[in-house]
């Protein structure tokens, strides 16, 4: 079964999460031929101050 993990710096709205889960599931099910109920999606939200680029924390 496909297991997808999306890590995002910052918060997403419930609507954004719902859309990401739906669309990621659709794409993976189509490409792998697996039923949608076999596709797992996990979204991890990382506080921006805990994420850095180029030696600087995001704000």
Protein backbone atom coordinates (compact mmCIF):
# COMPACT_ATOMS: atom_id res chain seq x y z
CA UNK A 1 0.00 0.00 0.00
CA UNK A 2 1.34 3.45 -0.87
CA UNK A 3 2.04 5.70 2.12
CA UNK A 4 2.61 9.38 1.35
CA UNK A 5 4.03 11.92 3.78
CA UNK A 6 3.81 15.64 3.06
CA UNK A 7 5.85 17.92 5.32
CA UNK A 8 4.87 21.58 5.24
CA UNK A 9 6.53 24.57 6.90
CA UNK A 10 3.60 26.39 8.45
CA UNK A 11 -0.07 25.70 8.94
CA UNK A 12 -2.56 24.61 6.31
CA UNK A 13 -6.30 25.12 6.51
CA UNK A 14 -8.61 22.13 6.82
CA UNK A 15 -9.78 22.82 3.27
CA UNK A 16 -6.20 22.77 1.97
CA UNK A 17 -5.49 19.50 3.79
CA UNK A 18 -8.68 17.93 2.46
CA UNK A 19 -7.80 18.95 -1.10
CA UNK A 20 -4.20 17.74 -0.79
CA UNK A 21 -5.31 14.37 0.58
CA UNK A 22 -7.93 13.94 -2.13
CA UNK A 23 -5.70 14.95 -5.04
CA UNK A 24 -2.60 13.08 -3.83
CA UNK A 25 -4.72 9.96 -3.35
CA UNK A 26 -6.22 10.29 -6.84
CA UNK A 27 -2.79 10.66 -8.49
CA UNK A 28 -1.16 7.76 -6.65
CA UNK A 29 -4.14 5.46 -7.18
CA UNK A 30 -4.13 6.26 -10.90
CA UNK A 31 -0.37 5.77 -11.32
CA UNK A 32 -0.07 2.60 -9.21
CA UNK A 33 -3.38 0.98 -10.09
CA UNK A 34 -4.11 0.56 -6.37
CA UNK A 35 -7.60 1.23 -5.00
CA UNK A 36 -7.95 4.62 -3.31
CA UNK A 37 -8.66 2.97 0.03
CA UNK A 38 -5.13 1.48 -0.10
CA UNK A 39 -3.49 4.92 -0.30
CA UNK A 40 -2.48 6.52 3.01
CA UNK A 41 -1.64 10.23 3.27
CA UNK A 42 -0.05 11.88 6.30
CA UNK A 43 0.47 15.63 6.58
CA UNK A 44 3.09 16.93 9.02
CA UNK A 45 3.00 20.62 9.83
CA UNK A 46 6.31 22.08 10.99
CA UNK A 47 6.30 25.37 12.87
CA UNK A 48 8.07 27.89 10.67
CA UNK A 49 10.50 28.81 13.45
CA UNK A 50 11.59 25.14 13.46
CA UNK A 51 12.46 25.21 9.76
CA UNK A 52 15.42 26.95 8.20
CA UNK A 53 16.71 27.71 4.73
CA UNK A 54 20.16 29.07 3.97
CA UNK A 55 21.13 29.19 7.64
CA UNK A 56 18.11 31.27 8.67
CA UNK A 57 14.88 30.25 10.39
CA UNK A 58 11.67 30.99 8.53
CA UNK A 59 9.42 33.56 10.15
